């Protein structure tokens, strides 16, 4: 049996209550020398080499902000009671245990509760958490009745709102399907589950990286998994940005990442520029800040077809890219363009 995730949008990017954001704080400057480098995933195809040409209207360049707000992640210090308030909503009432030896954990306090086939994992520092019922999530049954994408969106949205788990700065983004390949390859794949994704927007700017909420929907529209993969934030002040020329030079030197794995694209025009944000998958101690990035909108020909993608470059002066850290296993690849 082979499972496959059909992802429409996978790049844009863990008690979950209203997201804490403090806009309009007294303006102050951040010491950017203390801001760690961003961790951006690299393209899956190692041999990608693209020659870029900048073809952005002068008006776009002239009106691009020269400084933007940087946000600081809020360390939550959640208690066992906070854990229980989440667990009880999934009808889980047992005693959580520490799970600090989990691979990829860098000193954060993790609480886990396993009851039968259900599991809830909470990071008490970042406030990120994940719940799954492993007896029901993405399981093949003879009577699978998976709702339509429209219904999955409605079910997930109503569920999050009912529990107060949909902050005002999050928007529904897409639905992905998990399919099972039949043993008889002449038959079409069977959809055995779907996931609704919600992404954060800050003053209309999308947050890329791991910043998302995921609701897994199974047979008959039952909620079989929920994940909060974002950290609460507060305004930390404004920082000057690299010039577009500086960022473009770094793009040509492969000092960022691209949202394409197509090695056949050899030449591309950058036709637009946007400022967005990037949330690292690491702990708050590794990366305390939600940082701005330049998103260069690029397009190039590959085998007679137009390929459109983004080139992501850290936007803060003197910032750079580090090798990618491990990300939560249930996230789809951080690739693709909205």
C-alpha atoms as a PDB file:
ATOM      1  CA  UNK A   1       0.000   0.000   0.000  1.00  0.00           C
ATOM      2  CA  UNK A   2       1.352   3.400  -0.949  1.00  0.00           C
ATOM      3  CA  UNK A   3       0.030   6.637   0.506  1.00  0.00           C
ATOM      4  CA  UNK A   4       0.327   9.877  -1.357  1.00  0.00           C
ATOM      5  CA  UNK A   5      -0.421  13.440  -0.298  1.00  0.00           C
ATOM      6  CA  UNK A   6      -1.916  15.633  -3.009  1.00  0.00           C
ATOM      7  CA  UNK A   7      -0.834  19.167  -2.126  1.00  0.00           C
ATOM      8  CA  UNK A   8      -2.376  22.165  -3.856  1.00  0.00           C
ATOM      9  CA  UNK A   9      -0.549  24.728  -1.751  1.00  0.00           C
ATOM     10  CA  UNK A  10       2.332  23.720   0.452  1.00  0.00           C
ATOM     11  CA  UNK A  11       4.457  26.806   0.886  1.00  0.00           C
ATOM     12  CA  UNK A  12       3.313  29.651   2.597  1.00  0.00           C
ATOM     13  CA  UNK A  13       4.698  28.648   4.785  1.00  0.00           C
ATOM     14  CA  UNK A  14       2.689  24.964  16.509  1.00  0.00           C
ATOM     15  CA  UNK A  15      -3.708  26.130  25.159  1.00  0.00           C
ATOM     16  CA  UNK A  16      -4.234  27.380  21.322  1.00  0.00           C
ATOM     17  CA  UNK A  17      -6.269  30.474  21.966  1.00  0.00           C
ATOM     18  CA  UNK A  18      -6.325  33.812  20.220  1.00  0.00           C
ATOM     19  CA  UNK A  19      -2.924  34.540  18.748  1.00  0.00           C
ATOM     20  CA  UNK A  20      -1.147  37.223  20.723  1.00  0.00           C
ATOM     21  CA  UNK A  21      -0.027  40.076  18.486  1.00  0.00           C
ATOM     22  CA  UNK A  22       0.743  43.542  19.729  1.00  0.00           C
ATOM     23  CA  UNK A  23       0.498  45.985  16.830  1.00  0.00           C
ATOM     24  CA  UNK A  24       1.201  49.640  17.297  1.00  0.00           C
ATOM     25  CA  UNK A  25       3.719  49.263  20.119  1.00  0.00           C
ATOM     26  CA  UNK A  26       6.016  52.244  20.792  1.00  0.00           C
ATOM     27  CA  UNK A  27       8.478  52.411  17.924  1.00  0.00           C
ATOM     28  CA  UNK A  28      11.954  51.190  18.834  1.00  0.00           C
ATOM     29  CA  UNK A  29      14.958  49.831  17.006  1.00  0.00           C
ATOM     30  CA  UNK A  30      16.035  46.215  17.226  1.00  0.00           C
ATOM     31  CA  UNK A  31      19.682  45.282  17.580  1.00  0.00           C
ATOM     32  CA  UNK A  32      19.829  43.159  14.426  1.00  0.00           C
ATOM     33  CA  UNK A  33      23.252  41.796  15.368  1.00  0.00           C
ATOM     34  CA  UNK A  34      21.429  39.641  17.913  1.00  0.00           C
ATOM     35  CA  UNK A  35      18.927  38.216  15.428  1.00  0.00           C
ATOM     36  CA  UNK A  36      19.918  34.674  14.378  1.00  0.00           C
ATOM     37  CA  UNK A  37      20.117  33.614  10.754  1.00  0.00           C
ATOM     38  CA  UNK A  38      16.985  32.263   9.102  1.00  0.00           C
ATOM     39  CA  UNK A  39      16.650  28.582   8.324  1.00  0.00           C
ATOM     40  CA  UNK A  40      15.238  28.107   4.821  1.00  0.00           C
ATOM     41  CA  UNK A  41      14.610  24.727   3.171  1.00  0.00           C
ATOM     42  CA  UNK A  42      16.686  24.097   0.073  1.00  0.00           C
ATOM     43  CA  UNK A  43      15.335  22.757  -3.246  1.00  0.00           C
ATOM     44  CA  UNK A  44      15.082  18.992  -3.474  1.00  0.00           C
ATOM     45  CA  UNK A  45      16.962  18.968  -6.780  1.00  0.00           C
ATOM     46  CA  UNK A  46      20.579  19.690  -5.900  1.00  0.00           C
ATOM     47  CA  UNK A  47      21.569  20.560  -9.476  1.00  0.00           C
ATOM     48  CA  UNK A  48      19.249  23.557  -9.866  1.00  0.00           C
ATOM     49  CA  UNK A  49      21.183  26.454 -11.377  1.00  0.00           C
ATOM     50  CA  UNK A  50      19.238  29.430 -12.717  1.00  0.00           C
ATOM     51  CA  UNK A  51      20.434  32.635 -14.320  1.00  0.00           C
ATOM     52  CA  UNK A  52      18.174  35.454 -13.111  1.00  0.00           C
ATOM     53  CA  UNK A  53      17.414  38.764 -14.757  1.00  0.00           C
ATOM     54  CA  UNK A  54      15.715  41.555 -12.822  1.00  0.00           C
ATOM     55  CA  UNK A  55      12.694  42.866 -14.734  1.00  0.00           C
ATOM     56  CA  UNK A  56      10.702  44.664 -12.050  1.00  0.00           C
ATOM     57  CA  UNK A  57       8.996  47.995 -12.815  1.00  0.00           C
ATOM     58  CA  UNK A  58      10.805  50.973 -11.319  1.00  0.00           C
ATOM     59  CA  UNK A  59       7.619  52.034  -9.555  1.00  0.00           C
ATOM     60  CA  UNK A  60       7.500  48.716  -7.663  1.00  0.00           C
ATOM     61  CA  UNK A  61      11.112  49.104  -6.588  1.00  0.00           C
ATOM     62  CA  UNK A  62      10.570  52.734  -5.550  1.00  0.00           C
ATOM     63  CA  UNK A  63       7.513  51.929  -3.430  1.00  0.00           C
ATOM     64  CA  UNK A  64       8.940  48.860  -1.676  1.00  0.00           C
ATOM     65  CA  UNK A  65       9.342  49.693   2.059  1.00  0.00           C
ATOM     66  CA  UNK A  66      12.851  50.427   3.296  1.00  0.00           C
ATOM     67  CA  UNK A  67      12.102  49.104   6.782  1.00  0.00           C
ATOM     68  CA  UNK A  68       9.481  46.786   8.274  1.00  0.00           C
ATOM     69  CA  UNK A  69       8.377  45.479  11.654  1.00  0.00           C
ATOM     70  CA  UNK A  70      10.112  42.475  13.162  1.00  0.00           C
ATOM     71  CA  UNK A  71       8.149  40.344  15.637  1.00  0.00           C
ATOM     72  CA  UNK A  72       9.406  38.493  18.682  1.00  0.00           C
ATOM     73  CA  UNK A  73       8.080  35.063  19.594  1.00  0.00           C
ATOM     74  CA  UNK A  74       6.436  34.845  23.023  1.00  0.00           C
ATOM     75  CA  UNK A  75       7.652  32.080  25.314  1.00  0.00           C
ATOM     76  CA  UNK A  76       4.505  30.538  26.780  1.00  0.00           C
ATOM     77  CA  UNK A  77       5.680  28.479  29.807  1.00  0.00           C
ATOM     78  CA  UNK A  78       2.494  26.409  29.673  1.00  0.00           C
ATOM     79  CA  UNK A  79       1.565  24.267  32.643  1.00  0.00           C
ATOM     80  CA  UNK A  80       0.194  20.761  33.004  1.00  0.00           C
ATOM     81  CA  UNK A  81      -3.217  22.348  33.530  1.00  0.00           C
ATOM     82  CA  UNK A  82      -2.879  24.133  30.172  1.00  0.00           C
ATOM     83  CA  UNK A  83      -2.119  20.748  28.633  1.00  0.00           C
ATOM     84  CA  UNK A  84      -5.203  19.226  30.240  1.00  0.00           C
ATOM     85  CA  UNK A  85      -7.449  22.001  28.934  1.00  0.00           C
ATOM     86  CA  UNK A  86      -6.470  20.981  25.391  1.00  0.00           C
ATOM     87  CA  UNK A  87      -6.501  17.227  26.062  1.00  0.00           C
ATOM     88  CA  UNK A  88      -9.998  17.303  27.559  1.00  0.00           C
ATOM     89  CA  UNK A  89     -11.393  18.675  24.305  1.00  0.00           C
ATOM     90  CA  UNK A  90     -10.265  15.435  22.672  1.00  0.00           C
ATOM     91  CA  UNK A  91     -11.773  13.369  25.511  1.00  0.00           C
ATOM     92  CA  UNK A  92      -8.336  12.573  26.885  1.00  0.00           C
ATOM     93  CA  UNK A  93      -8.068  12.649  30.686  1.00  0.00           C
ATOM     94  CA  UNK A  94      -4.867  10.789  31.587  1.00  0.00           C
ATOM     95  CA  UNK A  95      -1.599  11.959  33.153  1.00  0.00           C
ATOM     96  CA  UNK A  96       0.821  13.558  30.637  1.00  0.00           C
ATOM     97  CA  UNK A  97       4.486  12.629  30.691  1.00  0.00           C
ATOM     98  CA  UNK A  98       7.662  14.475  29.790  1.00  0.00           C
ATOM     99  CA  UNK A  99       8.965  13.600  26.332  1.00  0.00           C
ATOM    100  CA  UNK A 100      12.118  15.723  26.175  1.00  0.00           C
ATOM    101  CA  UNK A 101      14.212  13.034  24.454  1.00  0.00           C
ATOM    102  CA  UNK A 102      12.177  13.284  21.256  1.00  0.00           C
ATOM    103  CA  UNK A 103      14.458  13.608  18.152  1.00  0.00           C
ATOM    104  CA  UNK A 104      14.967  17.208  17.109  1.00  0.00           C
ATOM    105  CA  UNK A 105      14.107  18.641  20.518  1.00  0.00           C
ATOM    106  CA  UNK A 106      16.661  21.218  21.667  1.00  0.00           C
ATOM    107  CA  UNK A 107      15.925  21.610  25.344  1.00  0.00           C
ATOM    108  CA  UNK A 108      12.254  22.585  25.232  1.00  0.00           C
ATOM    109  CA  UNK A 109       9.889  20.938  27.692  1.00  0.00           C
ATOM    110  CA  UNK A 110       7.564  18.551  25.856  1.00  0.00           C
ATOM    111  CA  UNK A 111       4.485  16.927  27.367  1.00  0.00           C
ATOM    112  CA  UNK A 112       2.856  13.901  25.760  1.00  0.00           C
ATOM    113  CA  UNK A 113      -0.286  11.917  26.534  1.00  0.00           C
ATOM    114  CA  UNK A 114      -1.111   8.617  24.864  1.00  0.00           C
ATOM    115  CA  UNK A 115      -4.536   7.108  25.440  1.00  0.00           C
ATOM    116  CA  UNK A 116      -5.357   4.113  23.302  1.00  0.00           C
ATOM    117  CA  UNK A 117      -4.815   5.246  19.723  1.00  0.00           C
ATOM    118  CA  UNK A 118      -4.937   8.948  20.579  1.00  0.00           C
ATOM    119  CA  UNK A 119      -1.847  11.084  21.166  1.00  0.00           C
ATOM    120  CA  UNK A 120      -1.356  14.736  22.139  1.00  0.00           C
ATOM    121  CA  UNK A 121       2.073  16.380  22.146  1.00  0.00           C
ATOM    122  CA  UNK A 122       2.630  19.906  23.526  1.00  0.00           C
ATOM    123  CA  UNK A 123       5.716  22.128  23.545  1.00  0.00           C
ATOM    124  CA  UNK A 124       5.313  24.132  26.760  1.00  0.00           C
ATOM    125  CA  UNK A 125       7.743  26.856  25.629  1.00  0.00           C
ATOM    126  CA  UNK A 126       6.498  27.577  22.118  1.00  0.00           C
ATOM    127  CA  UNK A 127       2.861  26.633  22.695  1.00  0.00           C
ATOM    128  CA  UNK A 128       2.851  24.448  19.581  1.00  0.00           C
ATOM    129  CA  UNK A 129       0.974  21.160  19.750  1.00  0.00           C
ATOM    130  CA  UNK A 130      -0.304  18.212  17.729  1.00  0.00           C
ATOM    131  CA  UNK A 131      -3.198  15.794  18.283  1.00  0.00           C
ATOM    132  CA  UNK A 132      -3.924  12.668  16.271  1.00  0.00           C
ATOM    133  CA  UNK A 133      -6.125   9.592  16.523  1.00  0.00           C
ATOM    134  CA  UNK A 134      -3.889   7.047  14.835  1.00  0.00           C
ATOM    135  CA  UNK A 135      -6.657   4.464  14.489  1.00  0.00           C
ATOM    136  CA  UNK A 136      -8.611   6.790  12.214  1.00  0.00           C
ATOM    137  CA  UNK A 137      -6.239   9.203  10.508  1.00  0.00           C
ATOM    138  CA  UNK A 138      -5.527   8.312   6.879  1.00  0.00           C
ATOM    139  CA  UNK A 139      -6.808   4.759   7.281  1.00  0.00           C
ATOM    140  CA  UNK A 140      -8.286   2.724   4.451  1.00  0.00           C
ATOM    141  CA  UNK A 141     -11.772   1.378   5.194  1.00  0.00           C
ATOM    142  CA  UNK A 142     -14.348  -0.262   2.985  1.00  0.00           C
ATOM    143  CA  UNK A 143     -16.842   2.492   3.798  1.00  0.00           C
ATOM    144  CA  UNK A 144     -14.629   5.569   3.440  1.00  0.00           C
ATOM    145  CA  UNK A 145     -16.845   8.608   2.971  1.00  0.00           C
ATOM    146  CA  UNK A 146     -14.482  11.574   2.790  1.00  0.00           C
ATOM    147  CA  UNK A 147     -16.239  14.945   2.362  1.00  0.00           C
ATOM    148  CA  UNK A 148     -15.634  17.277  -0.564  1.00  0.00           C
ATOM    149  CA  UNK A 149     -12.999  19.986  -0.290  1.00  0.00           C
ATOM    150  CA  UNK A 150     -15.717  22.602   0.297  1.00  0.00           C
ATOM    151  CA  UNK A 151     -17.185  20.537   3.118  1.00  0.00           C
ATOM    152  CA  UNK A 152     -13.748  19.924   4.654  1.00  0.00           C
ATOM    153  CA  UNK A 153     -13.137  23.678   4.708  1.00  0.00           C
ATOM    154  CA  UNK A 154     -16.495  24.267   6.391  1.00  0.00           C
ATOM    155  CA  UNK A 155     -16.066  21.441   8.931  1.00  0.00           C
ATOM    156  CA  UNK A 156     -12.527  22.528   9.866  1.00  0.00           C
ATOM    157  CA  UNK A 157     -13.392  26.229  10.117  1.00  0.00           C
ATOM    158  CA  UNK A 158     -16.442  25.630  12.309  1.00  0.00           C
ATOM    159  CA  UNK A 159     -14.496  23.221  14.509  1.00  0.00           C
ATOM    160  CA  UNK A 160     -11.662  25.694  15.129  1.00  0.00           C
ATOM    161  CA  UNK A 161     -14.051  28.571  15.796  1.00  0.00           C
ATOM    162  CA  UNK A 162     -16.092  26.452  18.213  1.00  0.00           C
ATOM    163  CA  UNK A 163     -13.003  25.775  20.331  1.00  0.00           C
ATOM    164  CA  UNK A 164     -11.558  29.293  20.014  1.00  0.00           C
ATOM    165  CA  UNK A 165      -8.634  27.922  18.007  1.00  0.00           C
ATOM    166  CA  UNK A 166      -8.802  30.157  14.928  1.00  0.00           C
ATOM    167  CA  UNK A 167      -6.989  33.473  15.544  1.00  0.00           C
ATOM    168  CA  UNK A 168      -8.165  36.492  13.601  1.00  0.00           C
ATOM    169  CA  UNK A 169      -4.907  36.739  11.647  1.00  0.00           C
ATOM    170  CA  UNK A 170      -5.298  33.240  10.159  1.00  0.00           C
ATOM    171  CA  UNK A 171      -7.098  32.461   6.902  1.00  0.00           C
ATOM    172  CA  UNK A 172      -8.150  29.229   5.267  1.00  0.00           C
ATOM    173  CA  UNK A 173      -5.642  28.388   2.554  1.00  0.00           C
ATOM    174  CA  UNK A 174      -6.252  24.984   0.967  1.00  0.00           C
ATOM    175  CA  UNK A 175      -7.333  21.366   1.342  1.00  0.00           C
ATOM    176  CA  UNK A 176      -4.954  18.498   0.608  1.00  0.00           C
ATOM    177  CA  UNK A 177      -5.932  14.880  -0.006  1.00  0.00           C
ATOM    178  CA  UNK A 178      -4.172  11.695   1.069  1.00  0.00           C
ATOM    179  CA  UNK A 179      -4.728   8.854  -1.359  1.00  0.00           C
ATOM    180  CA  UNK A 180      -4.091   5.137  -1.301  1.00  0.00           C
ATOM    181  CA  UNK A 181      -2.740   3.490  -4.431  1.00  0.00           C
ATOM    182  CA  UNK A 182      -4.709   0.302  -5.245  1.00  0.00           C
ATOM    183  CA  UNK A 183      -2.963  -2.991  -5.873  1.00  0.00           C
ATOM    184  CA  UNK A 184      -4.582  -2.951  -9.309  1.00  0.00           C
ATOM    185  CA  UNK A 185      -2.884   0.020 -10.950  1.00  0.00           C
ATOM    186  CA  UNK A 186      -5.612   0.266 -13.563  1.00  0.00           C
ATOM    187  CA  UNK A 187      -7.925   1.568 -10.851  1.00  0.00           C
ATOM    188  CA  UNK A 188      -7.808   5.191  -9.638  1.00  0.00           C
ATOM    189  CA  UNK A 189      -6.333   6.060  -6.211  1.00  0.00           C
ATOM    190  CA  UNK A 190      -8.730   6.139  -3.262  1.00  0.00           C
ATOM    191  CA  UNK A 191      -8.968   9.266  -1.114  1.00  0.00           C
ATOM    192  CA  UNK A 192      -8.640   8.128   2.512  1.00  0.00           C
ATOM    193  CA  UNK A 193      -8.388  11.485   4.257  1.00  0.00           C
ATOM    194  CA  UNK A 194      -8.098  15.223   3.799  1.00  0.00           C
ATOM    195  CA  UNK A 195      -6.409  18.080   5.657  1.00  0.00           C
ATOM    196  CA  UNK A 196      -7.475  21.725   5.832  1.00  0.00           C
ATOM    197  CA  UNK A 197      -4.666  24.287   6.103  1.00  0.00           C
ATOM    198  CA  UNK A 198      -4.907  27.741   7.671  1.00  0.00           C
ATOM    199  CA  UNK A 199      -2.060  30.256   7.279  1.00  0.00           C
ATOM    200  CA  UNK A 200      -1.182  33.412   9.167  1.00  0.00           C
ATOM    201  CA  UNK A 201      -1.227  36.873   7.560  1.00  0.00           C
ATOM    202  CA  UNK A 202       0.336  39.933   9.165  1.00  0.00           C
ATOM    203  CA  UNK A 203      -1.046  43.196   7.810  1.00  0.00           C
ATOM    204  CA  UNK A 204      -1.896  41.358   4.569  1.00  0.00           C
ATOM    205  CA  UNK A 205       1.587  39.823   4.354  1.00  0.00           C
ATOM    206  CA  UNK A 206       1.550  35.997   4.372  1.00  0.00           C
ATOM    207  CA  UNK A 207       3.788  34.115   6.783  1.00  0.00           C
ATOM    208  CA  UNK A 208       5.808  31.358   5.152  1.00  0.00           C
ATOM    209  CA  UNK A 209       7.608  28.469   6.812  1.00  0.00           C
ATOM    210  CA  UNK A 210       5.854  26.342   9.446  1.00  0.00           C
ATOM    211  CA  UNK A 211       3.305  28.942  10.544  1.00  0.00           C
ATOM    212  CA  UNK A 212       0.011  27.090  10.085  1.00  0.00           C
ATOM    213  CA  UNK A 213      -2.937  25.266  11.608  1.00  0.00           C
ATOM    214  CA  UNK A 214      -3.848  21.848  10.198  1.00  0.00           C
ATOM    215  CA  UNK A 215      -7.147  20.033  10.701  1.00  0.00           C
ATOM    216  CA  UNK A 216      -7.288  16.401   9.521  1.00  0.00           C
ATOM    217  CA  UNK A 217     -10.708  15.141   8.445  1.00  0.00           C
ATOM    218  CA  UNK A 218     -11.561  11.463   8.060  1.00  0.00           C
ATOM    219  CA  UNK A 219     -14.505   9.189   7.328  1.00  0.00           C
ATOM    220  CA  UNK A 220     -17.919  10.885   7.583  1.00  0.00           C
ATOM    221  CA  UNK A 221     -16.235  14.236   8.252  1.00  0.00           C
ATOM    222  CA  UNK A 222     -14.853  13.224  11.656  1.00  0.00           C
ATOM    223  CA  UNK A 223     -11.994  15.338  13.041  1.00  0.00           C
ATOM    224  CA  UNK A 224      -9.094  12.903  13.476  1.00  0.00           C
ATOM    225  CA  UNK A 225      -6.165  15.308  13.891  1.00  0.00           C
ATOM    226  CA  UNK A 226      -5.386  18.929  14.758  1.00  0.00           C
ATOM    227  CA  UNK A 227      -2.004  20.673  14.770  1.00  0.00           C
ATOM    228  CA  UNK A 228      -0.961  24.174  15.873  1.00  0.00           C
ATOM    229  CA  UNK A 229       2.381  24.910  14.248  1.00  0.00           C
ATOM    230  CA  UNK A 230       2.847  28.588  15.021  1.00  0.00           C
ATOM    231  CA  UNK A 231       4.101  30.676  17.919  1.00  0.00           C
ATOM    232  CA  UNK A 232       2.471  33.758  19.416  1.00  0.00           C
ATOM    233  CA  UNK A 233       4.227  37.027  18.618  1.00  0.00           C
ATOM    234  CA  UNK A 234       4.644  40.622  19.748  1.00  0.00           C
ATOM    235  CA  UNK A 235       5.920  43.737  17.991  1.00  0.00           C
ATOM    236  CA  UNK A 236       9.697  44.080  18.483  1.00  0.00           C
ATOM    237  CA  UNK A 237      10.240  47.274  16.492  1.00  0.00           C
ATOM    238  CA  UNK A 238      11.348  48.090  12.973  1.00  0.00           C
ATOM    239  CA  UNK A 239      14.507  47.208  11.079  1.00  0.00           C
ATOM    240  CA  UNK A 240      16.015  48.554   7.852  1.00  0.00           C
ATOM    241  CA  UNK A 241      15.968  46.157   4.926  1.00  0.00           C
ATOM    242  CA  UNK A 242      18.603  45.227   2.419  1.00  0.00           C
ATOM    243  CA  UNK A 243      18.218  47.079  -0.835  1.00  0.00           C
ATOM    244  CA  UNK A 244      16.534  45.165  -3.617  1.00  0.00           C
ATOM    245  CA  UNK A 245      19.832  45.223  -5.486  1.00  0.00           C
ATOM    246  CA  UNK A 246      21.583  43.573  -2.533  1.00  0.00           C
ATOM    247  CA  UNK A 247      18.879  40.937  -2.217  1.00  0.00           C
ATOM    248  CA  UNK A 248      18.910  40.259  -5.964  1.00  0.00           C
ATOM    249  CA  UNK A 249      22.684  39.722  -5.836  1.00  0.00           C
ATOM    250  CA  UNK A 250      22.145  37.147  -3.085  1.00  0.00           C
ATOM    251  CA  UNK A 251      19.468  35.442  -5.185  1.00  0.00           C
ATOM    252  CA  UNK A 252      21.957  35.052  -8.019  1.00  0.00           C
ATOM    253  CA  UNK A 253      24.470  33.648  -5.529  1.00  0.00           C
ATOM    254  CA  UNK A 254      21.936  31.064  -4.216  1.00  0.00           C
ATOM    255  CA  UNK A 255      21.857  32.604  -0.737  1.00  0.00           C
ATOM    256  CA  UNK A 256      18.177  31.925  -0.233  1.00  0.00           C
ATOM    257  CA  UNK A 257      15.736  29.287  -1.401  1.00  0.00           C
ATOM    258  CA  UNK A 258      13.369  28.813  -4.323  1.00  0.00           C
ATOM    259  CA  UNK A 259       9.892  27.297  -4.475  1.00  0.00           C
ATOM    260  CA  UNK A 260      10.695  25.026  -7.404  1.00  0.00           C
ATOM    261  CA  UNK A 261      12.422  21.672  -7.788  1.00  0.00           C
ATOM    262  CA  UNK A 262      12.524  21.842 -11.593  1.00  0.00           C
ATOM    263  CA  UNK A 263      16.145  21.464 -12.751  1.00  0.00           C
ATOM    264  CA  UNK A 264      15.150  22.230 -16.353  1.00  0.00           C
ATOM    265  CA  UNK A 265      14.645  25.934 -15.671  1.00  0.00           C
ATOM    266  CA  UNK A 266      17.927  27.581 -16.659  1.00  0.00           C
ATOM    267  CA  UNK A 267      16.925  31.226 -17.143  1.00  0.00           C
ATOM    268  CA  UNK A 268      14.252  33.230 -15.340  1.00  0.00           C
ATOM    269  CA  UNK A 269      12.914  36.769 -15.204  1.00  0.00           C
ATOM    270  CA  UNK A 270      12.091  38.274 -11.820  1.00  0.00           C
ATOM    271  CA  UNK A 271       8.976  40.320 -12.547  1.00  0.00           C
ATOM    272  CA  UNK A 272       7.703  41.348  -9.127  1.00  0.00           C
ATOM    273  CA  UNK A 273       8.783  41.686  -5.496  1.00  0.00           C
ATOM    274  CA  UNK A 274       6.832  41.300  -2.260  1.00  0.00           C
ATOM    275  CA  UNK A 275       7.784  41.431   1.399  1.00  0.00           C
ATOM    276  CA  UNK A 276       6.552  38.488   3.456  1.00  0.00           C
ATOM    277  CA  UNK A 277       7.460  36.834   6.751  1.00  0.00           C
ATOM    278  CA  UNK A 278       9.143  33.548   7.616  1.00  0.00           C
ATOM    279  CA  UNK A 279       8.608  31.404  10.735  1.00  0.00           C
ATOM    280  CA  UNK A 280      11.466  29.020  11.538  1.00  0.00           C
ATOM    281  CA  UNK A 281      10.708  25.467  12.696  1.00  0.00           C
ATOM    282  CA  UNK A 282      13.234  25.696  15.533  1.00  0.00           C
ATOM    283  CA  UNK A 283      12.689  26.509  19.190  1.00  0.00           C
ATOM    284  CA  UNK A 284      12.352  30.072  20.458  1.00  0.00           C
ATOM    285  CA  UNK A 285      15.858  29.823  21.925  1.00  0.00           C
ATOM    286  CA  UNK A 286      17.202  28.989  18.446  1.00  0.00           C
ATOM    287  CA  UNK A 287      15.206  31.683  16.646  1.00  0.00           C
ATOM    288  CA  UNK A 288      13.453  34.302  18.812  1.00  0.00           C
ATOM    289  CA  UNK A 289      12.167  36.396  15.864  1.00  0.00           C
ATOM    290  CA  UNK A 290       9.633  36.261  13.078  1.00  0.00           C
ATOM    291  CA  UNK A 291      11.564  37.889  10.262  1.00  0.00           C
ATOM    292  CA  UNK A 292      10.733  39.528   6.924  1.00  0.00           C
ATOM    293  CA  UNK A 293      11.878  38.030   3.634  1.00  0.00           C
ATOM    294  CA  UNK A 294      11.906  39.218   0.051  1.00  0.00           C
ATOM    295  CA  UNK A 295       9.789  37.066  -2.267  1.00  0.00           C
ATOM    296  CA  UNK A 296      11.013  37.559  -5.845  1.00  0.00           C
ATOM    297  CA  UNK A 297       8.327  36.429  -8.319  1.00  0.00           C
ATOM    298  CA  UNK A 298      10.140  34.597 -11.097  1.00  0.00           C
ATOM    299  CA  UNK A 299       9.164  32.816 -14.288  1.00  0.00           C
ATOM    300  CA  UNK A 300      11.140  30.822 -16.829  1.00  0.00           C
ATOM    301  CA  UNK A 301      10.669  28.280 -19.594  1.00  0.00           C
ATOM    302  CA  UNK A 302      11.164  24.564 -18.984  1.00  0.00           C
ATOM    303  CA  UNK A 303      10.534  22.047 -21.770  1.00  0.00           C
ATOM    304  CA  UNK A 304       8.288  24.459 -23.605  1.00  0.00           C
ATOM    305  CA  UNK A 305       6.163  25.292 -20.566  1.00  0.00           C
ATOM    306  CA  UNK A 306       6.222  28.367 -18.338  1.00  0.00           C
ATOM    307  CA  UNK A 307       7.366  27.680 -14.782  1.00  0.00           C
ATOM    308  CA  UNK A 308       6.445  30.246 -12.123  1.00  0.00           C
ATOM    309  CA  UNK A 309       8.047  30.245  -8.690  1.00  0.00           C
ATOM    310  CA  UNK A 310       9.439  32.463  -5.940  1.00  0.00           C
ATOM    311  CA  UNK A 311      12.970  33.164  -4.795  1.00  0.00           C
ATOM    312  CA  UNK A 312      13.057  33.771  -1.038  1.00  0.00           C
ATOM    313  CA  UNK A 313      15.849  35.918   0.415  1.00  0.00           C
ATOM    314  CA  UNK A 314      16.256  37.108   4.047  1.00  0.00           C
ATOM    315  CA  UNK A 315      15.388  40.806   4.005  1.00  0.00           C
ATOM    316  CA  UNK A 316      17.286  42.039   7.055  1.00  0.00           C
ATOM    317  CA  UNK A 317      20.772  43.509   6.706  1.00  0.00           C
ATOM    318  CA  UNK A 318      23.596  41.067   7.491  1.00  0.00           C
ATOM    319  CA  UNK A 319      21.182  38.164   7.775  1.00  0.00           C
ATOM    320  CA  UNK A 320      21.881  34.900   6.020  1.00  0.00           C
ATOM    321  CA  UNK A 321      20.623  31.351   5.634  1.00  0.00           C
ATOM    322  CA  UNK A 322      21.619  28.356   7.755  1.00  0.00           C
ATOM    323  CA  UNK A 323      21.187  24.670   6.852  1.00  0.00           C
ATOM    324  CA  UNK A 324      17.638  23.465   7.300  1.00  0.00           C
ATOM    325  CA  UNK A 325      16.637  22.140  10.713  1.00  0.00           C
ATOM    326  CA  UNK A 326      14.394  19.137  11.113  1.00  0.00           C
ATOM    327  CA  UNK A 327      10.736  20.086  10.716  1.00  0.00           C
ATOM    328  CA  UNK A 328       7.687  18.310  12.125  1.00  0.00           C
ATOM    329  CA  UNK A 329       7.139  15.097  10.198  1.00  0.00           C
ATOM    330  CA  UNK A 330       3.504  15.755   9.390  1.00  0.00           C
ATOM    331  CA  UNK A 331       4.151  18.953   7.432  1.00  0.00           C
ATOM    332  CA  UNK A 332       4.137  18.654   3.641  1.00  0.00           C
ATOM    333  CA  UNK A 333       7.264  19.952   1.868  1.00  0.00           C
ATOM    334  CA  UNK A 334       7.603  23.723   2.110  1.00  0.00           C
ATOM    335  CA  UNK A 335       7.436  24.203  -1.633  1.00  0.00           C
ATOM    336  CA  UNK A 336       4.997  25.610  -4.142  1.00  0.00           C
ATOM    337  CA  UNK A 337       3.564  29.039  -4.770  1.00  0.00           C
ATOM    338  CA  UNK A 338       0.255  30.367  -3.558  1.00  0.00           C
END
